[in-house]
């Protein structure tokens, strides 16, 4: 049987550094805002939310610290607000985003014994 797989060689530039037979191309134009379809993105990557539930085992300070560690860019005042909401209402949603990231955030929060749910965001 004859091997019919095409073979390719890497092209190397001449010693001068530039290839004279290749035209210089302008960089690709940036994506314009009108090319962005938020509804398509939402269908392809539906958002998930992390729901943190209240418990009697963790202190406010523990909850605030773990939220700040788990949620990217969450400030201390925002984490305090979520901790207060968890205490007052029984739950809070500190993160909404792609499923994989929501699962990672929930995993960090669970590491100190807090019950967490990851569910599709209905909004």
N, C-alpha and C. Protein backbone atom coordinates (compact mmCIF):
# COMPACT_ATOMS: atom_id res chain seq x y z
N UNK A 1 0.83 -1.17 0.00
CA UNK A 1 0.00 0.00 0.00
C UNK A 1 0.89 1.24 0.00
N UNK A 2 0.58 2.20 -0.84
CA UNK A 2 1.37 3.42 -0.97
C UNK A 2 0.83 4.47 -0.01
N UNK A 3 1.74 5.12 0.70
CA UNK A 3 1.36 6.17 1.64
C UNK A 3 0.98 7.42 0.86
N UNK A 4 -0.30 7.82 0.94
CA UNK A 4 -0.77 8.98 0.18
C UNK A 4 -0.95 10.22 1.05
N UNK A 5 -0.42 10.18 2.27
CA UNK A 5 -0.53 11.34 3.16
C UNK A 5 0.40 12.43 2.65
N UNK A 6 -0.12 13.62 2.38
CA UNK A 6 0.76 14.70 1.90
C UNK A 6 1.76 15.08 2.97
N UNK A 7 2.93 15.44 2.52
CA UNK A 7 3.98 15.87 3.44
C UNK A 7 4.18 17.37 3.28
N UNK A 8 4.38 18.02 4.39
CA UNK A 8 4.56 19.47 4.38
C UNK A 8 5.89 19.82 4.99
N UNK A 9 6.48 20.87 4.47
CA UNK A 9 7.72 21.39 5.05
C UNK A 9 7.45 22.80 5.53
N UNK A 10 8.06 23.13 6.63
CA UNK A 10 7.93 24.49 7.14
C UNK A 10 8.75 25.43 6.27
N UNK A 11 8.16 26.53 5.90
CA UNK A 11 8.89 27.53 5.13
C UNK A 11 9.75 28.35 6.08
N UNK A 12 10.95 28.61 5.65
CA UNK A 12 11.84 29.43 6.48
C UNK A 12 12.16 30.71 5.71
N UNK A 13 12.33 31.76 6.45
CA UNK A 13 12.66 33.04 5.84
C UNK A 13 14.12 33.06 5.44
N UNK A 14 14.47 33.76 4.37
CA UNK A 14 15.87 33.89 4.00
C UNK A 14 16.67 34.58 5.10
N UNK A 15 17.96 34.54 4.98
CA UNK A 15 18.84 35.09 6.02
C UNK A 15 18.55 36.55 6.32
N UNK A 16 18.00 37.30 5.38
CA UNK A 16 17.70 38.71 5.59
C UNK A 16 16.56 38.92 6.56
N UNK A 17 15.77 37.90 6.88
CA UNK A 17 14.71 38.01 7.85
C UNK A 17 13.33 38.16 7.24
N UNK A 18 13.22 38.66 6.01
CA UNK A 18 11.91 38.84 5.40
C UNK A 18 11.83 38.03 4.13
N UNK A 19 10.67 37.53 3.84
CA UNK A 19 10.45 36.76 2.64
C UNK A 19 9.99 37.71 1.53
N UNK A 20 10.75 37.83 0.45
CA UNK A 20 10.39 38.78 -0.60
C UNK A 20 9.14 38.37 -1.37
N UNK A 21 8.77 37.10 -1.35
CA UNK A 21 7.62 36.67 -2.13
C UNK A 21 6.30 36.75 -1.37
N UNK A 22 6.31 37.22 -0.17
CA UNK A 22 5.08 37.36 0.61
C UNK A 22 4.75 38.83 0.81
N UNK A 23 3.53 39.19 0.51
CA UNK A 23 3.09 40.56 0.73
C UNK A 23 2.77 40.75 2.21
N UNK A 24 3.06 41.92 2.71
CA UNK A 24 2.77 42.22 4.11
C UNK A 24 1.27 42.50 4.22
N UNK A 25 0.60 41.80 5.13
CA UNK A 25 -0.83 41.98 5.30
C UNK A 25 -1.09 42.90 6.48
N UNK A 26 -2.12 43.69 6.33
CA UNK A 26 -2.54 44.56 7.43
C UNK A 26 -3.16 43.68 8.51
N UNK A 27 -3.03 44.07 9.77
CA UNK A 27 -3.64 43.28 10.84
C UNK A 27 -5.16 43.22 10.66
N UNK A 28 -5.72 42.15 11.13
CA UNK A 28 -7.18 41.98 11.04
C UNK A 28 -7.87 43.12 11.78
N UNK A 29 -8.97 43.58 11.22
CA UNK A 29 -9.70 44.66 11.88
C UNK A 29 -10.39 44.13 13.12
N UNK A 30 -10.51 44.95 14.15
CA UNK A 30 -11.16 44.49 15.37
C UNK A 30 -12.65 44.23 15.13
N UNK A 31 -13.21 43.38 15.94
CA UNK A 31 -14.63 43.07 15.83
C UNK A 31 -15.42 44.31 16.20
N UNK A 32 -16.31 44.69 15.34
CA UNK A 32 -17.14 45.85 15.61
C UNK A 32 -18.30 45.46 16.48
N UNK A 33 -18.82 46.41 17.23
CA UNK A 33 -19.90 46.13 18.18
C UNK A 33 -21.12 45.55 17.49
N UNK A 34 -21.40 45.96 16.27
CA UNK A 34 -22.59 45.45 15.59
C UNK A 34 -22.45 43.98 15.23
N UNK A 35 -21.19 43.44 15.20
CA UNK A 35 -20.98 42.03 14.92
C UNK A 35 -21.29 41.16 16.13
N UNK A 36 -21.44 41.76 17.28
CA UNK A 36 -21.68 41.03 18.53
C UNK A 36 -23.16 40.80 18.72
N UNK A 37 -23.54 39.56 18.88
CA UNK A 37 -24.95 39.21 19.08
C UNK A 37 -25.10 38.63 20.49
N UNK A 38 -25.53 39.44 21.46
CA UNK A 38 -25.63 38.95 22.83
C UNK A 38 -26.60 37.78 22.99
N UNK A 39 -27.64 37.75 22.19
CA UNK A 39 -28.60 36.64 22.29
C UNK A 39 -27.97 35.33 21.82
N UNK A 40 -27.17 35.38 20.77
CA UNK A 40 -26.47 34.18 20.30
C UNK A 40 -25.50 33.70 21.38
N UNK A 41 -24.75 34.62 21.96
CA UNK A 41 -23.82 34.26 23.03
C UNK A 41 -24.56 33.62 24.20
N UNK A 42 -25.70 34.17 24.56
CA UNK A 42 -26.49 33.62 25.67
C UNK A 42 -26.99 32.21 25.36
N UNK A 43 -27.36 31.96 24.08
CA UNK A 43 -27.82 30.62 23.71
C UNK A 43 -26.66 29.63 23.71
N UNK A 44 -25.48 30.08 23.24
CA UNK A 44 -24.33 29.18 23.18
C UNK A 44 -23.69 28.94 24.55
N UNK A 45 -23.66 29.98 25.37
CA UNK A 45 -23.06 29.90 26.70
C UNK A 45 -24.04 30.45 27.73
N UNK A 46 -25.08 29.70 28.05
CA UNK A 46 -26.07 30.23 28.99
C UNK A 46 -25.42 30.48 30.36
N UNK A 47 -25.79 31.57 31.01
CA UNK A 47 -25.20 31.89 32.30
C UNK A 47 -25.76 31.02 33.42
N UNK A 48 -24.91 30.75 34.38
CA UNK A 48 -25.29 30.01 35.59
C UNK A 48 -25.02 30.90 36.79
N UNK A 49 -25.79 30.71 37.82
CA UNK A 49 -25.59 31.51 39.02
C UNK A 49 -25.19 30.61 40.19
N UNK A 50 -24.41 31.20 41.08
CA UNK A 50 -23.98 30.52 42.30
C UNK A 50 -24.87 31.04 43.42
N UNK A 51 -25.61 30.14 44.06
CA UNK A 51 -26.50 30.51 45.17
C UNK A 51 -25.86 30.00 46.45
N UNK A 52 -25.52 30.92 47.34
CA UNK A 52 -24.89 30.58 48.62
C UNK A 52 -25.99 30.58 49.68
N UNK A 53 -26.07 29.48 50.44
CA UNK A 53 -27.12 29.32 51.45
C UNK A 53 -26.59 29.60 52.85
N UNK A 54 -27.47 30.07 53.71
CA UNK A 54 -27.12 30.39 55.09
C UNK A 54 -26.85 29.12 55.88
N UNK A 55 -25.99 29.23 56.88
CA UNK A 55 -25.77 28.14 57.83
C UNK A 55 -25.43 28.71 59.20
N UNK A 56 -25.40 27.85 60.20
CA UNK A 56 -25.09 28.28 61.56
C UNK A 56 -23.65 27.98 61.94
N UNK A 57 -22.83 27.56 60.98
CA UNK A 57 -21.47 27.11 61.30
C UNK A 57 -20.39 28.14 61.00
N UNK A 58 -20.58 28.97 59.99
CA UNK A 58 -19.55 29.90 59.58
C UNK A 58 -19.84 31.31 60.08
N UNK A 59 -18.76 32.01 60.44
CA UNK A 59 -18.90 33.39 60.90
C UNK A 59 -19.02 34.32 59.70
N UNK A 60 -19.47 35.54 59.96
CA UNK A 60 -19.55 36.54 58.90
C UNK A 60 -18.19 36.74 58.25
N UNK A 61 -17.14 36.84 59.09
CA UNK A 61 -15.80 37.07 58.56
C UNK A 61 -15.34 35.93 57.65
N UNK A 62 -15.64 34.69 58.04
CA UNK A 62 -15.28 33.54 57.19
C UNK A 62 -16.00 33.61 55.84
N UNK A 63 -17.27 33.94 55.87
CA UNK A 63 -18.06 34.03 54.64
C UNK A 63 -17.52 35.15 53.76
N UNK A 64 -17.23 36.30 54.34
CA UNK A 64 -16.71 37.43 53.58
C UNK A 64 -15.38 37.06 52.93
N UNK A 65 -14.48 36.46 53.69
CA UNK A 65 -13.16 36.08 53.14
C UNK A 65 -13.27 35.06 52.02
N UNK A 66 -14.14 34.04 52.18
CA UNK A 66 -14.24 33.01 51.15
C UNK A 66 -14.90 33.57 49.90
N UNK A 67 -15.86 34.47 50.05
CA UNK A 67 -16.49 35.09 48.87
C UNK A 67 -15.46 35.91 48.09
N UNK A 68 -14.63 36.66 48.81
CA UNK A 68 -13.61 37.47 48.14
C UNK A 68 -12.58 36.59 47.43
N UNK A 69 -12.28 35.44 48.01
CA UNK A 69 -11.32 34.53 47.38
C UNK A 69 -11.94 33.82 46.19
N UNK A 70 -13.23 33.49 46.26
CA UNK A 70 -13.87 32.67 45.24
C UNK A 70 -14.35 33.47 44.02
N UNK A 71 -14.88 34.66 44.25
CA UNK A 71 -15.50 35.43 43.17
C UNK A 71 -14.49 36.44 42.62
N UNK A 72 -14.16 36.34 41.33
CA UNK A 72 -13.18 37.26 40.75
C UNK A 72 -13.64 38.71 40.85
N UNK A 73 -12.75 39.56 41.38
CA UNK A 73 -13.01 41.00 41.42
C UNK A 73 -13.99 41.46 42.49
N UNK A 74 -14.42 40.57 43.38
CA UNK A 74 -15.37 40.95 44.42
C UNK A 74 -14.65 41.74 45.51
N UNK A 75 -15.14 42.94 45.79
CA UNK A 75 -14.53 43.78 46.82
C UNK A 75 -15.06 43.39 48.20
N UNK A 76 -14.38 43.88 49.23
CA UNK A 76 -14.83 43.59 50.60
C UNK A 76 -16.23 44.14 50.86
N UNK A 77 -16.54 45.39 50.47
CA UNK A 77 -17.91 45.88 50.70
C UNK A 77 -18.97 45.03 49.99
N UNK A 78 -18.66 44.58 48.78
CA UNK A 78 -19.61 43.71 48.06
C UNK A 78 -19.78 42.38 48.78
N UNK A 79 -18.67 41.81 49.25
CA UNK A 79 -18.73 40.54 49.98
C UNK A 79 -19.51 40.70 51.28
N UNK A 80 -19.32 41.83 51.96
CA UNK A 80 -20.09 42.10 53.18
C UNK A 80 -21.58 42.20 52.88
N UNK A 81 -21.91 42.84 51.76
CA UNK A 81 -23.31 42.94 51.36
C UNK A 81 -23.92 41.56 51.10
N UNK A 82 -23.17 40.69 50.43
CA UNK A 82 -23.67 39.33 50.19
C UNK A 82 -23.82 38.56 51.50
N UNK A 83 -22.86 38.71 52.40
CA UNK A 83 -22.94 38.03 53.70
C UNK A 83 -24.18 38.50 54.47
N UNK A 84 -24.44 39.78 54.45
CA UNK A 84 -25.64 40.31 55.11
C UNK A 84 -26.92 39.77 54.47
N UNK A 85 -26.92 39.70 53.13
CA UNK A 85 -28.09 39.17 52.43
C UNK A 85 -28.30 37.69 52.75
N UNK A 86 -27.22 36.94 52.81
CA UNK A 86 -27.32 35.51 53.16
C UNK A 86 -27.93 35.37 54.55
N UNK A 87 -27.46 36.19 55.49
CA UNK A 87 -27.96 36.13 56.86
C UNK A 87 -29.43 36.56 56.94
N UNK A 88 -29.79 37.62 56.23
CA UNK A 88 -31.14 38.18 56.33
C UNK A 88 -32.19 37.38 55.56
N UNK A 89 -31.82 36.88 54.38
CA UNK A 89 -32.83 36.22 53.53
C UNK A 89 -32.64 34.72 53.38
N UNK A 90 -31.48 34.22 53.80
CA UNK A 90 -31.23 32.78 53.68
C UNK A 90 -30.38 32.39 52.50
N UNK A 91 -30.17 33.32 51.55
CA UNK A 91 -29.32 33.01 50.40
C UNK A 91 -28.93 34.30 49.68
N UNK A 92 -27.92 34.18 48.82
CA UNK A 92 -27.48 35.30 47.99
C UNK A 92 -26.81 34.73 46.75
N UNK A 93 -26.74 35.55 45.69
CA UNK A 93 -26.11 35.16 44.43
C UNK A 93 -24.90 36.07 44.20
N UNK A 94 -23.71 35.62 44.60
CA UNK A 94 -22.53 36.47 44.43
C UNK A 94 -21.88 36.38 43.06
N UNK A 95 -22.29 35.39 42.23
CA UNK A 95 -21.64 35.23 40.92
C UNK A 95 -22.63 34.69 39.91
N UNK A 96 -22.59 35.25 38.69
CA UNK A 96 -23.33 34.75 37.53
C UNK A 96 -22.36 34.76 36.37
N UNK A 97 -22.26 33.62 35.67
CA UNK A 97 -21.34 33.55 34.53
C UNK A 97 -21.36 32.17 33.91
N UNK A 98 -20.34 31.86 33.11
CA UNK A 98 -20.27 30.55 32.46
C UNK A 98 -20.29 29.41 33.47
N UNK A 99 -20.87 28.29 33.08
CA UNK A 99 -21.05 27.17 33.99
C UNK A 99 -19.74 26.69 34.62
N UNK A 100 -18.70 26.56 33.83
CA UNK A 100 -17.43 26.05 34.36
C UNK A 100 -16.88 26.97 35.44
N UNK A 101 -16.96 28.27 35.21
CA UNK A 101 -16.45 29.23 36.20
C UNK A 101 -17.35 29.23 37.44
N UNK A 102 -18.68 29.12 37.23
CA UNK A 102 -19.60 29.06 38.36
C UNK A 102 -19.31 27.83 39.23
N UNK A 103 -19.03 26.70 38.60
CA UNK A 103 -18.69 25.49 39.35
C UNK A 103 -17.40 25.68 40.14
N UNK A 104 -16.43 26.37 39.54
CA UNK A 104 -15.16 26.63 40.25
C UNK A 104 -15.39 27.55 41.44
N UNK A 105 -16.18 28.60 41.26
CA UNK A 105 -16.50 29.52 42.36
C UNK A 105 -17.20 28.76 43.48
N UNK A 106 -18.18 27.93 43.12
CA UNK A 106 -18.91 27.15 44.12
C UNK A 106 -17.99 26.19 44.87
N UNK A 107 -17.04 25.60 44.16
CA UNK A 107 -16.10 24.68 44.81
C UNK A 107 -15.27 25.36 45.87
N UNK A 108 -14.82 26.57 45.60
CA UNK A 108 -14.03 27.31 46.59
C UNK A 108 -14.90 27.63 47.81
N UNK A 109 -16.13 28.06 47.58
CA UNK A 109 -17.02 28.42 48.69
C UNK A 109 -17.35 27.17 49.52
N UNK A 110 -17.58 26.04 48.86
CA UNK A 110 -17.89 24.78 49.56
C UNK A 110 -16.73 24.31 50.45
N UNK A 111 -15.53 24.75 50.13
CA UNK A 111 -14.35 24.26 50.84
C UNK A 111 -14.38 24.57 52.34
N UNK A 112 -15.21 25.52 52.77
CA UNK A 112 -15.30 25.80 54.21
C UNK A 112 -16.63 25.33 54.79
N UNK A 113 -17.33 24.47 54.06
CA UNK A 113 -18.54 23.86 54.59
C UNK A 113 -19.84 24.60 54.34
N UNK A 114 -19.83 25.57 53.45
CA UNK A 114 -21.05 26.30 53.13
C UNK A 114 -21.78 25.57 52.02
N UNK A 115 -23.09 25.45 52.14
CA UNK A 115 -23.89 24.82 51.09
C UNK A 115 -24.09 25.81 49.95
N UNK A 116 -23.83 25.33 48.72
CA UNK A 116 -23.88 26.17 47.53
C UNK A 116 -24.60 25.40 46.43
N UNK A 117 -25.41 26.10 45.65
CA UNK A 117 -26.05 25.51 44.47
C UNK A 117 -25.58 26.26 43.23
N UNK A 118 -25.39 25.54 42.13
CA UNK A 118 -25.12 26.14 40.84
C UNK A 118 -26.30 25.79 39.96
N UNK A 119 -26.96 26.82 39.42
CA UNK A 119 -28.18 26.60 38.64
C UNK A 119 -28.25 27.58 37.48
N UNK A 120 -29.01 27.24 36.44
CA UNK A 120 -29.16 28.19 35.33
C UNK A 120 -29.73 29.51 35.82
N UNK A 121 -29.21 30.59 35.27
CA UNK A 121 -29.70 31.92 35.64
C UNK A 121 -30.97 32.20 34.85
N UNK A 122 -32.09 32.42 35.53
CA UNK A 122 -33.35 32.63 34.81
C UNK A 122 -33.47 34.00 34.15
N UNK A 123 -32.60 34.92 34.49
CA UNK A 123 -32.72 36.31 33.97
C UNK A 123 -32.46 36.42 32.51
